[in-house]
């Protein structure tokens, strides 16, 4: 009986450590297939210093207009929330 209690305590301890470390463990994010298109938009129309952060591996990209790809919004996921990175990168001037 004491052996099963000690095994349960060890499993509980391992589960607790995993749950504490889960938010800081690195997540595997597949690189965006549209990275080249984002690089081209930044080279042509990037005016914000934060635009280079759109190329980080944890960022996702949403293009406005699926065929012409003239505007992109970069975002990262935090829990169940999408957090955008600065302004959209586009050839359109938004004031």
Protein backbone atom coordinates (compact mmCIF):
# COMPACT_ATOMS: atom_id res chain seq x y z
CA UNK A 1 0.00 0.00 0.00
CA UNK A 2 2.80 2.41 0.84
CA UNK A 3 4.49 1.64 -2.46
CA UNK A 4 1.39 2.60 -4.47
CA UNK A 5 1.08 5.83 -2.46
CA UNK A 6 4.71 6.75 -3.15
CA UNK A 7 4.29 5.98 -6.88
CA UNK A 8 1.19 8.18 -6.99
CA UNK A 9 3.11 10.95 -5.21
CA UNK A 10 5.93 10.73 -7.79
CA UNK A 11 3.44 10.87 -10.68
CA UNK A 12 1.66 13.80 -9.06
CA UNK A 13 4.99 15.60 -8.62
CA UNK A 14 5.96 15.05 -12.27
CA UNK A 15 2.57 16.29 -13.42
CA UNK A 16 2.90 19.39 -11.25
CA UNK A 17 6.35 20.19 -12.66
CA UNK A 18 5.06 19.74 -16.21
CA UNK A 19 2.10 22.04 -15.60
CA UNK A 20 4.36 24.71 -14.13
CA UNK A 21 6.79 24.53 -17.05
CA UNK A 22 4.19 24.25 -19.82
CA UNK A 23 3.85 28.04 -20.42
CA UNK A 24 7.61 28.46 -20.89
CA UNK A 25 8.40 25.34 -22.88
CA UNK A 26 9.25 26.24 -26.48
CA UNK A 27 6.46 25.62 -28.93
CA UNK A 28 7.13 24.16 -32.31
CA UNK A 29 5.70 26.49 -34.92
CA UNK A 30 5.94 25.64 -38.56
CA UNK A 31 7.51 28.46 -40.57
CA UNK A 32 5.12 30.35 -42.73
CA UNK A 33 5.07 29.32 -46.37
CA UNK A 34 4.44 32.96 -47.20
CA UNK A 35 7.68 34.25 -45.69
CA UNK A 36 9.07 35.37 -49.06
CA UNK A 37 5.98 37.42 -49.77
CA UNK A 38 6.27 39.07 -46.36
CA UNK A 39 9.97 39.81 -46.95
CA UNK A 40 9.12 41.45 -50.29
CA UNK A 41 6.41 43.60 -48.74
CA UNK A 42 8.77 44.72 -45.96
CA UNK A 43 11.51 45.54 -48.48
CA UNK A 44 9.14 47.59 -50.64
CA UNK A 45 6.73 49.16 -48.18
CA UNK A 46 8.06 48.63 -44.66
CA UNK A 47 8.33 51.97 -42.88
CA UNK A 48 7.88 50.86 -39.29
CA UNK A 49 10.90 49.59 -37.32
CA UNK A 50 8.71 46.80 -35.91
CA UNK A 51 8.12 45.31 -39.36
CA UNK A 52 11.23 43.14 -39.13
CA UNK A 53 9.67 41.33 -36.18
CA UNK A 54 7.09 39.94 -38.61
CA UNK A 55 9.76 37.52 -39.82
CA UNK A 56 10.25 35.84 -36.44
CA UNK A 57 9.37 32.15 -36.41
CA UNK A 58 6.52 32.51 -33.91
CA UNK A 59 4.54 34.88 -36.15
CA UNK A 60 1.65 33.94 -38.39
CA UNK A 61 0.62 35.95 -41.43
CA UNK A 62 -2.79 36.90 -42.77
CA UNK A 63 -2.89 38.33 -46.27
CA UNK A 64 -5.61 40.68 -47.40
CA UNK A 65 -6.56 39.64 -50.90
CA UNK A 66 -5.52 36.08 -51.55
CA UNK A 67 -4.43 36.58 -55.15
CA UNK A 68 -2.53 39.86 -55.18
CA UNK A 69 -1.01 39.73 -51.65
CA UNK A 70 -0.64 43.48 -51.32
CA UNK A 71 -1.26 43.65 -47.58
CA UNK A 72 -0.23 41.42 -44.67
CA UNK A 73 -1.02 41.43 -40.97
CA UNK A 74 1.47 39.63 -38.74
CA UNK A 75 0.25 38.18 -35.48
CA UNK A 76 1.21 35.78 -32.73
CA UNK A 77 -1.04 33.56 -30.67
CA UNK A 78 -1.11 34.01 -26.91
CA UNK A 79 -3.38 31.44 -25.30
CA UNK A 80 -6.60 31.88 -27.31
CA UNK A 81 -5.91 35.46 -28.40
CA UNK A 82 -4.30 36.72 -31.60
CA UNK A 83 -2.01 39.68 -30.90
CA UNK A 84 -1.14 41.75 -33.95
CA UNK A 85 2.26 43.22 -34.57
CA UNK A 86 2.04 46.98 -35.14
CA UNK A 87 0.28 48.14 -38.32
CA UNK A 88 -0.45 46.15 -41.47
CA UNK A 89 2.38 46.04 -43.99
CA UNK A 90 1.00 47.15 -47.30
CA UNK A 91 1.39 49.36 -50.33
CA UNK A 92 -1.70 51.27 -49.28
CA UNK A 93 -1.12 54.36 -47.19
CA UNK A 94 -3.35 54.40 -44.15
CA UNK A 95 -3.59 57.69 -42.28
